[in-house]
Amino acid sequence: PAAREAGKLRGPKFKVALNKIIVNVSGTMGTRLMCASFTLAGNSSDFKATVEENTDQLRDIAASVLGSKTITDLEKPEARNLIRAELLSQFNAVLGGAVQEIYITEFAIQ
């Protein structure tokens, strides 16, 4: 139990959801869609407020990153990790490094 509690203390304390970002998959002429949701996590006491103040910009960044991906990009085994890394870099450029983790909570291609 103590190890489990210690593990919780090391992880980010604050989480904010970015729900249902839907984009056309690049190169499909609008015939394929991708839907993704994310949870952003950080330790700053004002993390939630900072993310919420910038939600529109973060959603726009996420839509741009996701919309730039082709079916070939998305079929790669490492696709989710590459997307996560790209989003982390771009979100932190806006939020001054506040995001420690990005969890992909929903990811579907149709």
N, C-alpha and C. Protein backbone atom coordinates (compact mmCIF):
# COMPACT_ATOMS: atom_id res chain seq x y z
N PRO A 1 0.81 -1.21 0.00
CA PRO A 1 0.00 0.00 0.00
C PRO A 1 0.85 1.27 0.00
N ALA A 2 1.92 1.29 0.79
CA ALA A 2 2.76 2.48 0.85
C ALA A 2 3.41 2.75 -0.51
N ALA A 3 3.85 1.68 -1.18
CA ALA A 3 4.47 1.85 -2.51
C ALA A 3 3.45 2.38 -3.51
N ARG A 4 2.22 1.90 -3.41
CA ARG A 4 1.17 2.37 -4.32
C ARG A 4 0.90 3.86 -4.06
N GLU A 5 0.82 4.26 -2.80
CA GLU A 5 0.58 5.66 -2.47
C GLU A 5 1.75 6.52 -2.92
N ALA A 6 2.97 6.04 -2.75
CA ALA A 6 4.14 6.79 -3.19
C ALA A 6 4.12 6.97 -4.70
N GLY A 7 3.68 5.95 -5.43
CA GLY A 7 3.57 6.06 -6.88
C GLY A 7 2.58 7.13 -7.30
N LYS A 8 1.50 7.23 -6.57
CA LYS A 8 0.51 8.26 -6.87
C LYS A 8 1.08 9.65 -6.65
N LEU A 9 1.91 9.80 -5.63
CA LEU A 9 2.48 11.11 -5.33
C LEU A 9 3.45 11.56 -6.41
N ARG A 10 4.12 10.63 -7.07
CA ARG A 10 5.09 10.99 -8.10
C ARG A 10 4.41 11.41 -9.41
N GLY A 11 3.23 10.92 -9.66
CA GLY A 11 2.54 11.27 -10.90
C GLY A 11 1.96 12.66 -10.84
N PRO A 12 1.60 13.21 -12.00
CA PRO A 12 1.00 14.54 -12.03
C PRO A 12 -0.27 14.59 -11.17
N LYS A 13 -0.45 15.70 -10.47
CA LYS A 13 -1.57 15.84 -9.54
C LYS A 13 -2.86 16.33 -10.19
N PHE A 14 -2.74 17.14 -11.23
CA PHE A 14 -3.91 17.79 -11.81
C PHE A 14 -4.13 17.31 -13.24
N LYS A 15 -5.40 17.06 -13.58
CA LYS A 15 -5.73 16.55 -14.92
C LYS A 15 -6.89 17.35 -15.50
N VAL A 16 -6.80 17.58 -16.82
CA VAL A 16 -7.85 18.29 -17.54
C VAL A 16 -8.10 17.56 -18.85
N ALA A 17 -9.37 17.33 -19.17
CA ALA A 17 -9.73 16.60 -20.39
C ALA A 17 -9.90 17.55 -21.58
N LEU A 18 -9.45 17.09 -22.74
CA LEU A 18 -9.76 17.71 -24.03
C LEU A 18 -10.54 16.65 -24.79
N ASN A 19 -11.84 16.83 -24.86
CA ASN A 19 -12.71 15.78 -25.40
C ASN A 19 -13.02 15.94 -26.87
N LYS A 20 -13.20 14.81 -27.53
CA LYS A 20 -13.74 14.67 -28.90
C LYS A 20 -13.23 15.69 -29.89
N ILE A 21 -12.02 15.48 -30.34
CA ILE A 21 -11.49 16.27 -31.44
C ILE A 21 -11.64 15.41 -32.69
N ILE A 22 -12.42 15.89 -33.65
CA ILE A 22 -12.73 15.13 -34.86
C ILE A 22 -12.14 15.86 -36.06
N VAL A 23 -11.35 15.13 -36.85
CA VAL A 23 -10.70 15.72 -38.03
C VAL A 23 -10.78 14.75 -39.21
N ASN A 24 -10.63 15.30 -40.40
CA ASN A 24 -10.46 14.46 -41.59
C ASN A 24 -9.03 13.95 -41.60
N VAL A 25 -8.86 12.69 -41.96
CA VAL A 25 -7.52 12.12 -42.09
C VAL A 25 -6.90 12.67 -43.38
N SER A 26 -5.67 13.14 -43.29
CA SER A 26 -4.98 13.72 -44.44
C SER A 26 -4.87 12.71 -45.59
N GLY A 27 -5.10 13.20 -46.81
CA GLY A 27 -4.93 12.36 -47.99
C GLY A 27 -6.12 11.47 -48.31
N THR A 28 -7.22 11.62 -47.57
CA THR A 28 -8.38 10.75 -47.83
C THR A 28 -9.52 11.50 -48.52
N MET A 29 -9.28 12.75 -48.89
CA MET A 29 -10.29 13.57 -49.56
C MET A 29 -11.60 13.60 -48.76
N GLY A 30 -11.47 13.63 -47.44
CA GLY A 30 -12.64 13.74 -46.58
C GLY A 30 -13.43 12.47 -46.40
N THR A 31 -12.92 11.34 -46.85
CA THR A 31 -13.67 10.09 -46.73
C THR A 31 -13.38 9.34 -45.43
N ARG A 32 -12.34 9.74 -44.70
CA ARG A 32 -11.98 9.08 -43.44
C ARG A 32 -11.89 10.12 -42.33
N LEU A 33 -12.38 9.77 -41.17
CA LEU A 33 -12.35 10.65 -40.01
C LEU A 33 -11.55 10.03 -38.89
N MET A 34 -11.01 10.89 -38.05
CA MET A 34 -10.35 10.44 -36.83
C MET A 34 -10.98 11.21 -35.67
N CYS A 35 -11.23 10.50 -34.59
CA CYS A 35 -11.76 11.09 -33.37
C CYS A 35 -10.78 10.76 -32.25
N ALA A 36 -10.41 11.76 -31.48
CA ALA A 36 -9.49 11.52 -30.36
C ALA A 36 -9.87 12.40 -29.19
N SER A 37 -9.65 11.89 -28.00
CA SER A 37 -9.80 12.64 -26.75
C SER A 37 -8.52 12.46 -25.96
N PHE A 38 -8.19 13.48 -25.18
CA PHE A 38 -6.95 13.47 -24.42
C PHE A 38 -7.20 13.95 -23.00
N THR A 39 -6.35 13.53 -22.09
CA THR A 39 -6.29 14.11 -20.76
C THR A 39 -4.88 14.65 -20.58
N LEU A 40 -4.80 15.93 -20.21
CA LEU A 40 -3.51 16.56 -19.96
C LEU A 40 -3.27 16.54 -18.46
N ALA A 41 -2.03 16.30 -18.05
CA ALA A 41 -1.71 16.22 -16.63
C ALA A 41 -0.48 17.06 -16.31
N GLY A 42 -0.54 17.72 -15.15
CA GLY A 42 0.58 18.54 -14.69
C GLY A 42 0.53 18.72 -13.19
N ASN A 43 1.57 19.29 -12.63
CA ASN A 43 1.68 19.44 -11.18
C ASN A 43 1.45 20.85 -10.66
N SER A 44 1.45 21.84 -11.52
CA SER A 44 1.29 23.22 -11.09
C SER A 44 -0.09 23.42 -10.46
N SER A 45 -0.13 24.18 -9.38
CA SER A 45 -1.41 24.41 -8.70
C SER A 45 -2.41 25.14 -9.58
N ASP A 46 -1.92 25.91 -10.55
CA ASP A 46 -2.83 26.62 -11.46
C ASP A 46 -2.95 25.91 -12.82
N PHE A 47 -2.55 24.63 -12.87
CA PHE A 47 -2.56 23.87 -14.12
C PHE A 47 -3.94 23.86 -14.77
N LYS A 48 -4.95 23.51 -13.99
CA LYS A 48 -6.30 23.40 -14.55
C LYS A 48 -6.76 24.73 -15.13
N ALA A 49 -6.55 25.81 -14.40
CA ALA A 49 -6.96 27.14 -14.88
C ALA A 49 -6.19 27.52 -16.13
N THR A 50 -4.89 27.23 -16.16
CA THR A 50 -4.06 27.55 -17.32
C THR A 50 -4.54 26.81 -18.56
N VAL A 51 -4.82 25.52 -18.42
CA VAL A 51 -5.31 24.74 -19.55
C VAL A 51 -6.68 25.25 -20.00
N GLU A 52 -7.57 25.49 -19.05
CA GLU A 52 -8.92 25.94 -19.41
C GLU A 52 -8.89 27.30 -20.10
N GLU A 53 -7.98 28.19 -19.70
CA GLU A 53 -7.86 29.50 -20.35
C GLU A 53 -7.38 29.38 -21.79
N ASN A 54 -6.68 28.30 -22.10
CA ASN A 54 -6.10 28.11 -23.43
C ASN A 54 -6.74 26.96 -24.20
N THR A 55 -7.91 26.51 -23.76
CA THR A 55 -8.54 25.34 -24.37
C THR A 55 -8.74 25.48 -25.87
N ASP A 56 -9.22 26.63 -26.31
CA ASP A 56 -9.46 26.80 -27.75
C ASP A 56 -8.17 26.66 -28.55
N GLN A 57 -7.09 27.26 -28.06
CA GLN A 57 -5.81 27.16 -28.76
C GLN A 57 -5.29 25.73 -28.74
N LEU A 58 -5.44 25.04 -27.61
CA LEU A 58 -4.98 23.65 -27.51
C LEU A 58 -5.78 22.73 -28.43
N ARG A 59 -7.09 22.95 -28.50
CA ARG A 59 -7.93 22.14 -29.40
C ARG A 59 -7.53 22.40 -30.86
N ASP A 60 -7.22 23.65 -31.19
CA ASP A 60 -6.79 23.98 -32.55
C ASP A 60 -5.46 23.29 -32.87
N ILE A 61 -4.53 23.31 -31.93
CA ILE A 61 -3.24 22.62 -32.13
C ILE A 61 -3.48 21.13 -32.33
N ALA A 62 -4.30 20.54 -31.47
CA ALA A 62 -4.57 19.10 -31.58
C ALA A 62 -5.20 18.77 -32.92
N ALA A 63 -6.16 19.59 -33.36
CA ALA A 63 -6.81 19.35 -34.65
C ALA A 63 -5.81 19.46 -35.80
N SER A 64 -4.89 20.42 -35.71
CA SER A 64 -3.87 20.58 -36.76
C SER A 64 -2.92 19.39 -36.80
N VAL A 65 -2.47 18.95 -35.62
CA VAL A 65 -1.55 17.80 -35.56
C VAL A 65 -2.25 16.56 -36.08
N LEU A 66 -3.45 16.28 -35.58
CA LEU A 66 -4.17 15.08 -36.00
C LEU A 66 -4.53 15.13 -37.48
N GLY A 67 -4.96 16.30 -37.95
CA GLY A 67 -5.38 16.45 -39.34
C GLY A 67 -4.24 16.35 -40.33
N SER A 68 -3.01 16.45 -39.85
CA SER A 68 -1.85 16.33 -40.74
C SER A 68 -1.42 14.88 -40.95
N LYS A 69 -2.03 13.96 -40.22
CA LYS A 69 -1.64 12.55 -40.29
C LYS A 69 -2.38 11.82 -41.40
N THR A 70 -1.64 10.99 -42.13
CA THR A 70 -2.22 10.15 -43.18
C THR A 70 -2.58 8.79 -42.59
N ILE A 71 -3.31 8.00 -43.35
CA ILE A 71 -3.63 6.63 -42.91
C ILE A 71 -2.34 5.86 -42.66
N THR A 72 -1.34 6.03 -43.54
CA THR A 72 -0.06 5.35 -43.36
C THR A 72 0.58 5.74 -42.03
N ASP A 73 0.55 7.04 -41.70
CA ASP A 73 1.10 7.51 -40.42
C ASP A 73 0.38 6.83 -39.25
N LEU A 74 -0.94 6.75 -39.36
CA LEU A 74 -1.76 6.26 -38.25
C LEU A 74 -1.70 4.75 -38.08
N GLU A 75 -1.29 4.04 -39.13
CA GLU A 75 -1.21 2.57 -39.04
C GLU A 75 0.10 2.09 -38.43
N LYS A 76 1.06 2.99 -38.26
CA LYS A 76 2.34 2.60 -37.67
C LYS A 76 2.13 2.22 -36.20
N PRO A 77 2.85 1.21 -35.73
CA PRO A 77 2.70 0.78 -34.33
C PRO A 77 2.98 1.90 -33.32
N GLU A 78 3.88 2.81 -33.68
CA GLU A 78 4.26 3.87 -32.75
C GLU A 78 3.44 5.15 -32.94
N ALA A 79 2.37 5.10 -33.73
CA ALA A 79 1.60 6.30 -34.07
C ALA A 79 1.12 7.07 -32.85
N ARG A 80 0.54 6.37 -31.89
CA ARG A 80 0.01 7.05 -30.70
C ARG A 80 1.12 7.76 -29.93
N ASN A 81 2.27 7.12 -29.80
CA ASN A 81 3.37 7.75 -29.07
C ASN A 81 3.94 8.94 -29.82
N LEU A 82 3.99 8.86 -31.15
CA LEU A 82 4.46 10.00 -31.95
C LEU A 82 3.51 11.18 -31.83
N ILE A 83 2.21 10.90 -31.89
CA ILE A 83 1.21 11.96 -31.73
C ILE A 83 1.32 12.57 -30.34
N ARG A 84 1.43 11.72 -29.33
CA ARG A 84 1.55 12.19 -27.94
C ARG A 84 2.76 13.12 -27.80
N ALA A 85 3.91 12.73 -28.35
CA ALA A 85 5.13 13.53 -28.25
C ALA A 85 4.98 14.87 -28.97
N GLU A 86 4.38 14.83 -30.16
CA GLU A 86 4.18 16.07 -30.93
C GLU A 86 3.24 17.02 -30.20
N LEU A 87 2.16 16.48 -29.65
CA LEU A 87 1.22 17.32 -28.90
C LEU A 87 1.87 17.87 -27.64
N LEU A 88 2.62 17.06 -26.93
CA LEU A 88 3.28 17.51 -25.71
C LEU A 88 4.20 18.70 -26.00
N SER A 89 4.98 18.59 -27.06
CA SER A 89 5.89 19.67 -27.45
C SER A 89 5.12 20.95 -27.79
N GLN A 90 4.08 20.82 -28.60
CA GLN A 90 3.33 22.01 -29.03
C GLN A 90 2.48 22.59 -27.91
N PHE A 91 1.88 21.75 -27.08
CA PHE A 91 1.10 22.26 -25.95
C PHE A 91 2.01 23.01 -24.97
N ASN A 92 3.20 22.46 -24.71
CA ASN A 92 4.11 23.10 -23.78
C ASN A 92 4.68 24.40 -24.32
N ALA A 93 4.75 24.55 -25.63
CA ALA A 93 5.16 25.82 -26.22
C ALA A 93 4.14 26.91 -25.87
N VAL A 94 2.88 26.54 -25.79
CA VAL A 94 1.81 27.48 -25.44
C VAL A 94 1.71 27.67 -23.93
N LEU A 95 1.86 26.59 -23.18
CA LEU A 95 1.62 26.61 -21.74
C LEU A 95 2.89 26.73 -20.90
N GLY A 96 4.02 27.00 -21.52
CA GLY A 96 5.25 27.21 -20.78
C GLY A 96 5.77 25.98 -20.05
N GLY A 97 5.56 24.81 -20.63
CA GLY A 97 6.09 23.58 -20.04
C GLY A 97 5.24 22.98 -18.94
N ALA A 98 4.00 23.42 -18.81
CA ALA A 98 3.14 22.97 -17.70
C ALA A 98 2.66 21.52 -17.84
N VAL A 99 2.58 21.01 -19.08
CA VAL A 99 2.04 19.66 -19.29
C VAL A 99 3.15 18.63 -19.09
N GLN A 100 2.92 17.70 -18.17
CA GLN A 100 3.90 16.64 -17.92
C GLN A 100 3.55 15.36 -18.65
N GLU A 101 2.27 15.09 -18.79
CA GLU A 101 1.81 13.86 -19.43
C GLU A 101 0.61 14.16 -20.30
N ILE A 102 0.47 13.40 -21.38
CA ILE A 102 -0.75 13.41 -22.18
C ILE A 102 -1.22 11.97 -22.28
N TYR A 103 -2.44 11.75 -21.85
CA TYR A 103 -3.05 10.42 -21.94
C TYR A 103 -4.05 10.45 -23.10
N ILE A 104 -3.95 9.51 -24.01
CA ILE A 104 -4.91 9.39 -25.10
C ILE A 104 -6.03 8.50 -24.59
N THR A 105 -7.18 9.11 -24.35
CA THR A 105 -8.30 8.38 -23.73
C THR A 105 -9.27 7.82 -24.75
N GLU A 106 -9.20 8.33 -25.97
CA GLU A 106 -10.05 7.84 -27.06
C GLU A 106 -9.29 8.06 -28.35
N PHE A 107 -9.32 7.06 -29.24
CA PHE A 107 -8.59 7.18 -30.50
C PHE A 107 -9.25 6.24 -31.50
N ALA A 108 -9.96 6.80 -32.46
CA ALA A 108 -10.67 5.97 -33.43
C ALA A 108 -10.54 6.57 -34.82
N ILE A 109 -10.40 5.69 -35.81
CA ILE A 109 -10.34 6.10 -37.21
C ILE A 109 -11.48 5.39 -37.92
N GLN A 110 -12.20 6.14 -38.72
CA GLN A 110 -13.35 5.57 -39.42
C GLN A 110 -13.25 5.88 -40.90
